[in-house]
């Protein structure tokens, strides 16, 4: 299967069953990985420009925009936004999950976020 998403899309992420895509304007789409069918379409994340690729960790998708806001979405067949968290700094880098921690590099700092 194929879908014409255009070139304004960071690298997608997948849980093996679904593929999650965020375009550079913060619109998220989920596809069935086997068939290519759209599971949910054109869901708006926090406003801003998205250059970093979304990541998947612990059943959640983390998408960070250049303005420093990370939107957390449940990795499921239906769209469910779980949280939005803002760091007051410019962010271009893709977050990195390690165990129960999430590392986010901004223009000035490296943050380590944990659910401890």
PDB file of N, CA and C in Angstrom:
ATOM      1  N   UNK A   1       0.829  -1.173   0.000  1.00  0.00           N
ATOM      2  CA  UNK A   1       0.000   0.000   0.000  1.00  0.00           C
ATOM      3  C   UNK A   1       0.876   1.240   0.000  1.00  0.00           C
ATOM      4  N   UNK A   2       0.305   2.386  -0.344  1.00  0.00           N
ATOM      5  CA  UNK A   2       1.027   3.656  -0.299  1.00  0.00           C
ATOM      6  C   UNK A   2       0.044   4.774  -0.012  1.00  0.00           C
ATOM      7  N   UNK A   3       0.592   5.886   0.475  1.00  0.00           N
ATOM      8  CA  UNK A   3      -0.202   7.071   0.764  1.00  0.00           C
ATOM      9  C   UNK A   3       0.663   8.276   0.445  1.00  0.00           C
ATOM     10  N   UNK A   4       0.114   9.249  -0.248  1.00  0.00           N
ATOM     11  CA  UNK A   4       0.850  10.447  -0.629  1.00  0.00           C
ATOM     12  C   UNK A   4       0.746  11.487   0.484  1.00  0.00           C
ATOM     13  N   UNK A   5       1.677  11.436   1.425  1.00  0.00           N
ATOM     14  CA  UNK A   5       1.685  12.379   2.538  1.00  0.00           C
ATOM     15  C   UNK A   5       2.481  13.636   2.232  1.00  0.00           C
ATOM     16  N   UNK A   6       3.261  13.629   1.184  1.00  0.00           N
ATOM     17  CA  UNK A   6       4.088  14.785   0.865  1.00  0.00           C
ATOM     18  C   UNK A   6       5.417  14.729   1.592  1.00  0.00           C
ATOM     19  N   UNK A   7       6.236  15.727   1.350  1.00  0.00           N
ATOM     20  CA  UNK A   7       7.588  15.733   1.911  1.00  0.00           C
ATOM     21  C   UNK A   7       7.688  16.521   3.211  1.00  0.00           C
ATOM     22  N   UNK A   8       6.576  17.060   3.691  1.00  0.00           N
ATOM     23  CA  UNK A   8       6.601  17.869   4.911  1.00  0.00           C
ATOM     24  C   UNK A   8       6.287  17.026   6.146  1.00  0.00           C
ATOM     25  N   UNK A   9       6.738  15.770   6.131  1.00  0.00           N
ATOM     26  CA  UNK A   9       6.407  14.840   7.204  1.00  0.00           C
ATOM     27  C   UNK A   9       7.686  14.295   7.841  1.00  0.00           C
ATOM     28  N   UNK A  10       7.870  14.495   9.166  1.00  0.00           N
ATOM     29  CA  UNK A  10       8.991  13.836   9.838  1.00  0.00           C
ATOM     30  C   UNK A  10       8.837  12.311   9.770  1.00  0.00           C
ATOM     31  N   UNK A  11       9.863  11.587  10.160  1.00  0.00           N
ATOM     32  CA  UNK A  11       9.838  10.124  10.148  1.00  0.00           C
ATOM     33  C   UNK A  11       8.671   9.610  10.990  1.00  0.00           C
ATOM     34  N   UNK A  12       7.876   8.681  10.467  1.00  0.00           N
ATOM     35  CA  UNK A  12       6.773   8.126  11.261  1.00  0.00           C
ATOM     36  C   UNK A  12       7.287   7.194  12.354  1.00  0.00           C
ATOM     37  N   UNK A  13       6.390   6.803  13.252  1.00  0.00           N
ATOM     38  CA  UNK A  13       6.713   5.806  14.271  1.00  0.00           C
ATOM     39  C   UNK A  13       5.659   4.707  14.219  1.00  0.00           C
ATOM     40  N   UNK A  14       6.000   3.531  14.715  1.00  0.00           N
ATOM     41  CA  UNK A  14       5.067   2.408  14.639  1.00  0.00           C
ATOM     42  C   UNK A  14       5.170   1.518  15.872  1.00  0.00           C
ATOM     43  N   UNK A  15       4.053   0.871  16.187  1.00  0.00           N
ATOM     44  CA  UNK A  15       4.038  -0.154  17.228  1.00  0.00           C
ATOM     45  C   UNK A  15       3.934  -1.546  16.612  1.00  0.00           C
ATOM     46  N   UNK A  16       4.078  -1.623  15.290  1.00  0.00           N
ATOM     47  CA  UNK A  16       3.975  -2.878  14.568  1.00  0.00           C
ATOM     48  C   UNK A  16       2.587  -3.148  14.022  1.00  0.00           C
ATOM     49  N   UNK A  17       1.573  -2.607  14.672  1.00  0.00           N
ATOM     50  CA  UNK A  17       0.182  -2.754  14.219  1.00  0.00           C
ATOM     51  C   UNK A  17      -0.316  -1.496  13.526  1.00  0.00           C
ATOM     52  N   UNK A  18       0.177  -0.356  14.003  1.00  0.00           N
ATOM     53  CA  UNK A  18      -0.263   0.937  13.491  1.00  0.00           C
ATOM     54  C   UNK A  18       0.957   1.783  13.167  1.00  0.00           C
ATOM     55  N   UNK A  19       0.787   2.692  12.220  1.00  0.00           N
ATOM     56  CA  UNK A  19       1.829   3.658  11.876  1.00  0.00           C
ATOM     57  C   UNK A  19       1.276   5.041  12.185  1.00  0.00           C
ATOM     58  N   UNK A  20       2.048   5.827  12.920  1.00  0.00           N
ATOM     59  CA  UNK A  20       1.621   7.152  13.345  1.00  0.00           C
ATOM     60  C   UNK A  20       2.491   8.193  12.654  1.00  0.00           C
ATOM     61  N   UNK A  21       1.840   9.169  12.038  1.00  0.00           N
ATOM     62  CA  UNK A  21       2.525  10.191  11.250  1.00  0.00           C
ATOM     63  C   UNK A  21       2.083  11.563  11.744  1.00  0.00           C
ATOM     64  N   UNK A  22       3.047  12.472  11.883  1.00  0.00           N
ATOM     65  CA  UNK A  22       2.759  13.869  12.214  1.00  0.00           C
ATOM     66  C   UNK A  22       3.366  14.716  11.115  1.00  0.00           C
ATOM     67  N   UNK A  23       2.571  15.623  10.528  1.00  0.00           N
ATOM     68  CA  UNK A  23       3.169  16.500   9.523  1.00  0.00           C
ATOM     69  C   UNK A  23       3.773  17.723  10.201  1.00  0.00           C
ATOM     70  N   UNK A  24       4.439  18.561   9.435  1.00  0.00           N
ATOM     71  CA  UNK A  24       5.152  19.693  10.032  1.00  0.00           C
ATOM     72  C   UNK A  24       4.228  20.764  10.599  1.00  0.00           C
ATOM     73  N   UNK A  25       2.939  20.663  10.373  1.00  0.00           N
ATOM     74  CA  UNK A  25       1.964  21.608  10.925  1.00  0.00           C
ATOM     75  C   UNK A  25       1.247  21.055  12.157  1.00  0.00           C
ATOM     76  N   UNK A  26       1.656  19.849  12.614  1.00  0.00           N
ATOM     77  CA  UNK A  26       1.080  19.289  13.834  1.00  0.00           C
ATOM     78  C   UNK A  26      -0.215  18.538  13.636  1.00  0.00           C
ATOM     79  N   UNK A  27      -0.416  17.984  12.454  1.00  0.00           N
ATOM     80  CA  UNK A  27      -1.588  17.153  12.181  1.00  0.00           C
ATOM     81  C   UNK A  27      -1.146  15.696  12.233  1.00  0.00           C
ATOM     82  N   UNK A  28      -1.836  14.886  13.043  1.00  0.00           N
ATOM     83  CA  UNK A  28      -1.463  13.484  13.216  1.00  0.00           C
ATOM     84  C   UNK A  28      -2.469  12.573  12.528  1.00  0.00           C
ATOM     85  N   UNK A  29      -1.947  11.510  11.909  1.00  0.00           N
ATOM     86  CA  UNK A  29      -2.751  10.497  11.223  1.00  0.00           C
ATOM     87  C   UNK A  29      -2.248   9.133  11.680  1.00  0.00           C
ATOM     88  N   UNK A  30      -3.170   8.176  11.833  1.00  0.00           N
ATOM     89  CA  UNK A  30      -2.791   6.797  12.165  1.00  0.00           C
ATOM     90  C   UNK A  30      -3.276   5.863  11.070  1.00  0.00           C
ATOM     91  N   UNK A  31      -2.396   4.958  10.656  1.00  0.00           N
ATOM     92  CA  UNK A  31      -2.703   3.970   9.620  1.00  0.00           C
ATOM     93  C   UNK A  31      -2.618   2.563  10.203  1.00  0.00           C
ATOM     94  N   UNK A  32      -3.405   1.651   9.662  1.00  0.00           N
ATOM     95  CA  UNK A  32      -3.223   0.232   9.925  1.00  0.00           C
ATOM     96  C   UNK A  32      -1.961  -0.192   9.177  1.00  0.00           C
ATOM     97  N   UNK A  33      -1.003  -0.787   9.871  1.00  0.00           N
ATOM     98  CA  UNK A  33       0.285  -1.115   9.248  1.00  0.00           C
ATOM     99  C   UNK A  33       0.153  -2.163   8.153  1.00  0.00           C
ATOM    100  N   UNK A  34      -0.775  -3.085   8.286  1.00  0.00           N
ATOM    101  CA  UNK A  34      -0.914  -4.163   7.299  1.00  0.00           C
ATOM    102  C   UNK A  34      -1.646  -3.715   6.042  1.00  0.00           C
ATOM    103  N   UNK A  35      -2.741  -2.971   6.218  1.00  0.00           N
ATOM    104  CA  UNK A  35      -3.590  -2.627   5.070  1.00  0.00           C
ATOM    105  C   UNK A  35      -3.366  -1.222   4.535  1.00  0.00           C
ATOM    106  N   UNK A  36      -2.851  -0.323   5.375  1.00  0.00           N
ATOM    107  CA  UNK A  36      -2.725   1.078   4.982  1.00  0.00           C
ATOM    108  C   UNK A  36      -3.988   1.877   5.200  1.00  0.00           C
ATOM    109  N   UNK A  37      -5.032   1.228   5.715  1.00  0.00           N
ATOM    110  CA  UNK A  37      -6.281   1.945   5.987  1.00  0.00           C
ATOM    111  C   UNK A  37      -6.042   3.010   7.050  1.00  0.00           C
ATOM    112  N   UNK A  38      -6.705   4.144   6.901  1.00  0.00           N
ATOM    113  CA  UNK A  38      -6.598   5.218   7.890  1.00  0.00           C
ATOM    114  C   UNK A  38      -7.472   4.860   9.086  1.00  0.00           C
ATOM    115  N   UNK A  39      -6.864   4.821  10.277  1.00  0.00           N
ATOM    116  CA  UNK A  39      -7.601   4.535  11.508  1.00  0.00           C
ATOM    117  C   UNK A  39      -8.205   5.807  12.080  1.00  0.00           C
ATOM    118  N   UNK A  40      -7.420   6.857  12.106  1.00  0.00           N
ATOM    119  CA  UNK A  40      -7.928   8.186  12.437  1.00  0.00           C
ATOM    120  C   UNK A  40      -7.104   9.212  11.683  1.00  0.00           C
ATOM    121  N   UNK A  41      -7.765  10.322  11.371  1.00  0.00           N
ATOM    122  CA  UNK A  41      -7.219  11.251  10.386  1.00  0.00           C
ATOM    123  C   UNK A  41      -7.266  12.681  10.885  1.00  0.00           C
ATOM    124  N   UNK A  42      -6.229  13.414  10.582  1.00  0.00           N
ATOM    125  CA  UNK A  42      -6.162  14.860  10.749  1.00  0.00           C
ATOM    126  C   UNK A  42      -6.527  15.350  12.154  1.00  0.00           C
ATOM    127  N   UNK A  43      -5.871  14.766  13.135  1.00  0.00           N
ATOM    128  CA  UNK A  43      -6.048  15.199  14.518  1.00  0.00           C
ATOM    129  C   UNK A  43      -5.006  16.262  14.833  1.00  0.00           C
ATOM    130  N   UNK A  44      -5.449  17.383  15.391  1.00  0.00           N
ATOM    131  CA  UNK A  44      -4.598  18.533  15.647  1.00  0.00           C
ATOM    132  C   UNK A  44      -3.875  18.387  16.982  1.00  0.00           C
ATOM    133  N   UNK A  45      -2.553  18.509  16.945  1.00  0.00           N
ATOM    134  CA  UNK A  45      -1.748  18.527  18.159  1.00  0.00           C
ATOM    135  C   UNK A  45      -1.555  19.981  18.576  1.00  0.00           C
ATOM    136  N   UNK A  46      -0.642  20.249  19.499  1.00  0.00           N
ATOM    137  CA  UNK A  46      -0.369  21.625  19.906  1.00  0.00           C
ATOM    138  C   UNK A  46       0.055  22.437  18.686  1.00  0.00           C
ATOM    139  N   UNK A  47      -0.422  23.681  18.565  1.00  0.00           N
ATOM    140  CA  UNK A  47      -0.039  24.505  17.415  1.00  0.00           C
ATOM    141  C   UNK A  47       1.475  24.705  17.360  1.00  0.00           C
ATOM    142  N   UNK A  48       1.997  24.781  16.157  1.00  0.00           N
ATOM    143  CA  UNK A  48       3.423  25.005  15.973  1.00  0.00           C
ATOM    144  C   UNK A  48       3.959  24.212  14.807  1.00  0.00           C
ATOM    145  N   UNK A  49       5.267  24.289  14.622  1.00  0.00           N
ATOM    146  CA  UNK A  49       5.952  23.581  13.549  1.00  0.00           C
ATOM    147  C   UNK A  49       6.626  22.341  14.128  1.00  0.00           C
ATOM    148  N   UNK A  50       6.473  21.206  13.435  1.00  0.00           N
ATOM    149  CA  UNK A  50       7.017  19.928  13.898  1.00  0.00           C
ATOM    150  C   UNK A  50       8.140  19.490  12.971  1.00  0.00           C
ATOM    151  N   UNK A  51       9.374  19.538  13.474  1.00  0.00           N
ATOM    152  CA  UNK A  51      10.541  19.046  12.738  1.00  0.00           C
ATOM    153  C   UNK A  51      11.033  17.729  13.318  1.00  0.00           C
ATOM    154  N   UNK A  52      10.906  17.572  14.631  1.00  0.00           N
ATOM    155  CA  UNK A  52      11.325  16.335  15.294  1.00  0.00           C
ATOM    156  C   UNK A  52      10.356  15.216  14.945  1.00  0.00           C
ATOM    157  N   UNK A  53      10.869  14.007  14.860  1.00  0.00           N
ATOM    158  CA  UNK A  53      10.019  12.845  14.592  1.00  0.00           C
ATOM    159  C   UNK A  53       9.286  12.431  15.862  1.00  0.00           C
ATOM    160  N   UNK A  54       8.045  11.964  15.733  1.00  0.00           N
ATOM    161  CA  UNK A  54       7.353  11.438  16.909  1.00  0.00           C
ATOM    162  C   UNK A  54       8.019  10.133  17.350  1.00  0.00           C
ATOM    163  N   UNK A  55       7.903   9.832  18.627  1.00  0.00           N
ATOM    164  CA  UNK A  55       8.433   8.567  19.144  1.00  0.00           C
ATOM    165  C   UNK A  55       7.312   7.814  19.844  1.00  0.00           C
ATOM    166  N   UNK A  56       7.526   6.518  20.025  1.00  0.00           N
ATOM    167  CA  UNK A  56       6.572   5.685  20.739  1.00  0.00           C
ATOM    168  C   UNK A  56       7.289   5.024  21.906  1.00  0.00           C
ATOM    169  N   UNK A  57       6.723   5.175  23.099  1.00  0.00           N
ATOM    170  CA  UNK A  57       7.296   4.556  24.296  1.00  0.00           C
ATOM    171  C   UNK A  57       6.164   4.238  25.260  1.00  0.00           C
ATOM    172  N   UNK A  58       6.162   3.044  25.800  1.00  0.00           N
ATOM    173  CA  UNK A  58       5.195   2.624  26.811  1.00  0.00           C
ATOM    174  C   UNK A  58       3.746   2.822  26.348  1.00  0.00           C
ATOM    175  N   UNK A  59       3.483   2.539  25.068  1.00  0.00           N
ATOM    176  CA  UNK A  59       2.125   2.648  24.540  1.00  0.00           C
ATOM    177  C   UNK A  59       1.650   4.064  24.285  1.00  0.00           C
ATOM    178  N   UNK A  60       2.578   5.009  24.291  1.00  0.00           N
ATOM    179  CA  UNK A  60       2.228   6.413  24.072  1.00  0.00           C
ATOM    180  C   UNK A  60       3.110   7.005  22.974  1.00  0.00           C
ATOM    181  N   UNK A  61       2.535   7.941  22.221  1.00  0.00           N
ATOM    182  CA  UNK A  61       3.273   8.666  21.193  1.00  0.00           C
ATOM    183  C   UNK A  61       3.604  10.041  21.758  1.00  0.00           C
ATOM    184  N   UNK A  62       4.856  10.452  21.592  1.00  0.00           N
ATOM    185  CA  UNK A  62       5.311  11.768  22.035  1.00  0.00           C
ATOM    186  C   UNK A  62       5.709  12.554  20.794  1.00  0.00           C
ATOM    187  N   UNK A  63       5.067  13.691  20.580  1.00  0.00           N
ATOM    188  CA  UNK A  63       5.368  14.545  19.431  1.00  0.00           C
ATOM    189  C   UNK A  63       5.704  15.936  19.952  1.00  0.00           C
ATOM    190  N   UNK A  64       6.909  16.407  19.649  1.00  0.00           N
ATOM    191  CA  UNK A  64       7.397  17.686  20.170  1.00  0.00           C
ATOM    192  C   UNK A  64       7.522  18.691  19.039  1.00  0.00           C
ATOM    193  N   UNK A  65       6.969  19.893  19.267  1.00  0.00           N
ATOM    194  CA  UNK A  65       7.077  20.929  18.237  1.00  0.00           C
ATOM    195  C   UNK A  65       8.272  21.843  18.512  1.00  0.00           C
ATOM    196  N   UNK A  66       8.567  22.702  17.554  1.00  0.00           N
ATOM    197  CA  UNK A  66       9.732  23.589  17.663  1.00  0.00           C
ATOM    198  C   UNK A  66       9.585  24.605  18.788  1.00  0.00           C
ATOM    199  N   UNK A  67       8.363  24.865  19.201  1.00  0.00           N
ATOM    200  CA  UNK A  67       8.113  25.817  20.277  1.00  0.00           C
ATOM    201  C   UNK A  67       8.313  25.196  21.660  1.00  0.00           C
ATOM    202  N   UNK A  68       8.590  23.890  21.710  1.00  0.00           N
ATOM    203  CA  UNK A  68       8.896  23.230  22.971  1.00  0.00           C
ATOM    204  C   UNK A  68       7.734  22.523  23.636  1.00  0.00           C
ATOM    205  N   UNK A  69       6.617  22.353  22.942  1.00  0.00           N
ATOM    206  CA  UNK A  69       5.474  21.648  23.514  1.00  0.00           C
ATOM    207  C   UNK A  69       5.463  20.203  23.038  1.00  0.00           C
ATOM    208  N   UNK A  70       5.376  19.280  23.982  1.00  0.00           N
ATOM    209  CA  UNK A  70       5.260  17.858  23.672  1.00  0.00           C
ATOM    210  C   UNK A  70       3.822  17.426  23.914  1.00  0.00           C
ATOM    211  N   UNK A  71       3.210  16.853  22.887  1.00  0.00           N
ATOM    212  CA  UNK A  71       1.866  16.296  23.000  1.00  0.00           C
ATOM    213  C   UNK A  71       2.000  14.789  23.151  1.00  0.00           C
ATOM    214  N   UNK A  72       1.262  14.230  24.108  1.00  0.00           N
ATOM    215  CA  UNK A  72       1.275  12.793  24.370  1.00  0.00           C
ATOM    216  C   UNK A  72      -0.073  12.227  23.943  1.00  0.00           C
ATOM    217  N   UNK A  73      -0.029  11.202  23.079  1.00  0.00           N
ATOM    218  CA  UNK A  73      -1.236  10.589  22.519  1.00  0.00           C
ATOM    219  C   UNK A  73      -1.169   9.086  22.767  1.00  0.00           C
ATOM    220  N   UNK A  74      -2.301   8.492  23.118  1.00  0.00           N
ATOM    221  CA  UNK A  74      -2.361   7.037  23.275  1.00  0.00           C
ATOM    222  C   UNK A  74      -2.160   6.368  21.920  1.00  0.00           C
ATOM    223  N   UNK A  75      -1.323   5.352  21.879  1.00  0.00           N
ATOM    224  CA  UNK A  75      -1.066   4.620  20.631  1.00  0.00           C
ATOM    225  C   UNK A  75      -2.153   3.565  20.461  1.00  0.00           C
ATOM    226  N   UNK A  76      -3.284   3.978  19.886  1.00  0.00           N
ATOM    227  CA  UNK A  76      -4.414   3.067  19.740  1.00  0.00           C
ATOM    228  C   UNK A  76      -5.154   3.279  18.443  1.00  0.00           C
ATOM    229  N   UNK A  77      -6.230   2.524  18.277  1.00  0.00           N
ATOM    230  CA  UNK A  77      -7.045   2.610  17.065  1.00  0.00           C
ATOM    231  C   UNK A  77      -7.918   3.852  17.029  1.00  0.00           C
ATOM    232  N   UNK A  78      -8.072   4.532  18.170  1.00  0.00           N
ATOM    233  CA  UNK A  78      -8.819   5.784  18.242  1.00  0.00           C
ATOM    234  C   UNK A  78      -7.912   6.860  18.820  1.00  0.00           C
ATOM    235  N   UNK A  79      -8.119   8.096  18.380  1.00  0.00           N
ATOM    236  CA  UNK A  79      -7.299   9.209  18.852  1.00  0.00           C
ATOM    237  C   UNK A  79      -7.689   9.565  20.279  1.00  0.00           C
ATOM    238  N   UNK A  80      -6.693   9.599  21.165  1.00  0.00           N
ATOM    239  CA  UNK A  80      -6.918  10.026  22.543  1.00  0.00           C
ATOM    240  C   UNK A  80      -5.696  10.796  23.016  1.00  0.00           C
ATOM    241  N   UNK A  81      -5.854  12.125  23.147  1.00  0.00           N
ATOM    242  CA  UNK A  81      -4.769  12.961  23.645  1.00  0.00           C
ATOM    243  C   UNK A  81      -4.710  12.821  25.162  1.00  0.00           C
ATOM    244  N   UNK A  82      -3.528  12.528  25.681  1.00  0.00           N
ATOM    245  CA  UNK A  82      -3.356  12.308  27.111  1.00  0.00           C
ATOM    246  C   UNK A  82      -2.810  13.524  27.840  1.00  0.00           C
ATOM    247  N   UNK A  83      -1.943  14.292  27.183  1.00  0.00           N
ATOM    248  CA  UNK A  83      -1.317  15.433  27.855  1.00  0.00           C
ATOM    249  C   UNK A  83      -0.630  16.337  26.845  1.00  0.00           C
ATOM    250  N   UNK A  84      -0.401  17.573  27.269  1.00  0.00           N
ATOM    251  CA  UNK A  84       0.478  18.502  26.553  1.00  0.00           C
ATOM    252  C   UNK A  84       1.352  19.170  27.600  1.00  0.00           C
ATOM    253  N   UNK A  85       2.656  19.152  27.365  1.00  0.00           N
ATOM    254  CA  UNK A  85       3.616  19.712  28.310  1.00  0.00           C
ATOM    255  C   UNK A  85       4.555  20.650  27.571  1.00  0.00           C
ATOM    256  N   UNK A  86       4.777  21.829  28.158  1.00  0.00           N
ATOM    257  CA  UNK A  86       5.591  22.838  27.481  1.00  0.00           C
ATOM    258  C   UNK A  86       6.894  23.090  28.233  1.00  0.00           C
ATOM    259  N   UNK A  87       7.986  23.065  27.475  1.00  0.00           N
ATOM    260  CA  UNK A  87       9.280  23.536  27.959  1.00  0.00           C
ATOM    261  C   UNK A  87       9.481  24.905  27.320  1.00  0.00           C
ATOM    262  N   UNK A  88       9.950  25.852  28.057  1.00  0.00           N
ATOM    263  CA  UNK A  88      10.085  27.209  27.527  1.00  0.00           C
ATOM    264  C   UNK A  88      11.388  27.376  26.762  1.00  0.00           C
ATOM    265  N   UNK A  89      11.531  26.596  25.673  1.00  0.00           N
ATOM    266  CA  UNK A  89      12.755  26.659  24.888  1.00  0.00           C
ATOM    267  C   UNK A  89      12.496  26.076  23.501  1.00  0.00           C
ATOM    268  N   UNK A  90      13.237  26.533  22.530  1.00  0.00           N
ATOM    269  CA  UNK A  90      13.144  26.071  21.146  1.00  0.00           C
ATOM    270  C   UNK A  90      13.642  24.626  21.051  1.00  0.00           C
ATOM    271  N   UNK A  91      12.903  23.767  20.344  1.00  0.00           N
ATOM    272  CA  UNK A  91      13.229  22.341  20.277  1.00  0.00           C
ATOM    273  C   UNK A  91      13.155  21.839  18.847  1.00  0.00           C
ATOM    274  N   UNK A  92      14.249  21.281  18.345  1.00  0.00           N
ATOM    275  CA  UNK A  92      14.274  20.661  17.019  1.00  0.00           C
ATOM    276  C   UNK A  92      14.559  19.164  17.090  1.00  0.00           C
ATOM    277  N   UNK A  93      15.153  18.707  18.186  1.00  0.00           N
ATOM    278  CA  UNK A  93      15.605  17.319  18.294  1.00  0.00           C
ATOM    279  C   UNK A  93      14.460  16.368  18.636  1.00  0.00           C
ATOM    280  N   UNK A  94      14.565  15.146  18.144  1.00  0.00           N
ATOM    281  CA  UNK A  94      13.620  14.088  18.476  1.00  0.00           C
ATOM    282  C   UNK A  94      13.896  13.611  19.899  1.00  0.00           C
ATOM    283  N   UNK A  95      12.858  13.508  20.752  1.00  0.00           N
ATOM    284  CA  UNK A  95      13.068  12.996  22.107  1.00  0.00           C
ATOM    285  C   UNK A  95      13.613  11.568  22.081  1.00  0.00           C
ATOM    286  N   UNK A  96      14.278  11.180  23.167  1.00  0.00           N
ATOM    287  CA  UNK A  96      14.856   9.833  23.268  1.00  0.00           C
ATOM    288  C   UNK A  96      14.350   9.154  24.534  1.00  0.00           C
ATOM    289  N   UNK A  97      13.600   8.053  24.392  1.00  0.00           N
ATOM    290  CA  UNK A  97      13.145   7.318  25.575  1.00  0.00           C
ATOM    291  C   UNK A  97      14.203   6.313  26.027  1.00  0.00           C
ATOM    292  N   UNK A  98      14.433   6.249  27.336  1.00  0.00           N
ATOM    293  CA  UNK A  98      15.347   5.268  27.915  1.00  0.00           C
ATOM    294  C   UNK A  98      14.708   4.786  29.219  1.00  0.00           C
ATOM    295  N   UNK A  99      14.257   3.546  29.244  1.00  0.00           N
ATOM    296  CA  UNK A  99      13.582   3.028  30.432  1.00  0.00           C
ATOM    297  C   UNK A  99      12.357   3.858  30.760  1.00  0.00           C
ATOM    298  N   UNK A 100      12.287   4.360  31.986  1.00  0.00           N
ATOM    299  CA  UNK A 100      11.165   5.206  32.415  1.00  0.00           C
ATOM    300  C   UNK A 100      11.460   6.688  32.259  1.00  0.00           C
ATOM    301  N   UNK A 101      12.490   7.015  31.520  1.00  0.00           N
ATOM    302  CA  UNK A 101      12.879   8.413  31.360  1.00  0.00           C
ATOM    303  C   UNK A 101      12.762   8.841  29.904  1.00  0.00           C
ATOM    304  N   UNK A 102      12.515  10.124  29.723  1.00  0.00           N
ATOM    305  CA  UNK A 102      12.435  10.709  28.390  1.00  0.00           C
ATOM    306  C   UNK A 102      13.405  11.884  28.356  1.00  0.00           C
ATOM    307  N   UNK A 103      14.333  11.850  27.401  1.00  0.00           N
ATOM    308  CA  UNK A 103      15.314  12.921  27.248  1.00  0.00           C
ATOM    309  C   UNK A 103      14.885  13.827  26.103  1.00  0.00           C
ATOM    310  N   UNK A 104      14.858  15.128  26.385  1.00  0.00           N
ATOM    311  CA  UNK A 104      14.492  16.120  25.373  1.00  0.00           C
ATOM    312  C   UNK A 104      15.576  17.185  25.347  1.00  0.00           C
ATOM    313  N   UNK A 105      16.168  17.375  24.170  1.00  0.00           N
ATOM    314  CA  UNK A 105      17.187  18.417  24.010  1.00  0.00           C
ATOM    315  C   UNK A 105      16.535  19.644  23.405  1.00  0.00           C
ATOM    316  N   UNK A 106      16.758  20.774  24.057  1.00  0.00           N
ATOM    317  CA  UNK A 106      16.272  22.048  23.536  1.00  0.00           C
ATOM    318  C   UNK A 106      17.477  22.864  23.081  1.00  0.00           C
ATOM    319  N   UNK A 107      17.232  24.096  22.689  1.00  0.00           N
ATOM    320  CA  UNK A 107      18.327  24.960  22.236  1.00  0.00           C
ATOM    321  C   UNK A 107      19.325  25.234  23.358  1.00  0.00           C
ATOM    322  N   UNK A 108      18.863  25.205  24.617  1.00  0.00           N
ATOM    323  CA  UNK A 108      19.740  25.557  25.727  1.00  0.00           C
ATOM    324  C   UNK A 108      20.012  24.438  26.717  1.00  0.00           C
ATOM    325  N   UNK A 109      19.117  23.463  26.824  1.00  0.00           N
ATOM    326  CA  UNK A 109      19.240  22.458  27.880  1.00  0.00           C
ATOM    327  C   UNK A 109      18.970  21.055  27.358  1.00  0.00           C
ATOM    328  N   UNK A 110      19.416  20.076  28.143  1.00  0.00           N
ATOM    329  CA  UNK A 110      19.008  18.688  27.976  1.00  0.00           C
ATOM    330  C   UNK A 110      18.151  18.365  29.192  1.00  0.00           C
ATOM    331  N   UNK A 111      16.904  17.990  28.962  1.00  0.00           N
ATOM    332  CA  UNK A 111      15.982  17.659  30.038  1.00  0.00           C
ATOM    333  C   UNK A 111      15.861  16.147  30.169  1.00  0.00           C
ATOM    334  N   UNK A 112      15.770  15.668  31.403  1.00  0.00           N
ATOM    335  CA  UNK A 112      15.463  14.267  31.690  1.00  0.00           C
ATOM    336  C   UNK A 112      14.148  14.266  32.455  1.00  0.00           C
ATOM    337  N   UNK A 113      13.106  13.724  31.835  1.00  0.00           N
ATOM    338  CA  UNK A 113      11.781  13.676  32.447  1.00  0.00           C
ATOM    339  C   UNK A 113      11.509  12.244  32.883  1.00  0.00           C
ATOM    340  N   UNK A 114      10.928  12.100  34.074  1.00  0.00           N
ATOM    341  CA  UNK A 114      10.685  10.769  34.620  1.00  0.00           C
ATOM    342  C   UNK A 114       9.354  10.750  35.349  1.00  0.00           C
ATOM    343  N   UNK A 115       8.758   9.574  35.461  1.00  0.00           N
ATOM    344  CA  UNK A 115       7.493   9.453  36.187  1.00  0.00           C
ATOM    345  C   UNK A 115       7.714   8.915  37.597  1.00  0.00           C
ATOM    346  N   UNK A 116       8.881   9.146  38.150  1.00  0.00           N
ATOM    347  CA  UNK A 116       9.193   8.660  39.503  1.00  0.00           C
ATOM    348  C   UNK A 116       8.361   9.352  40.536  1.00  0.00           C
TER     349      UNK A 116
END
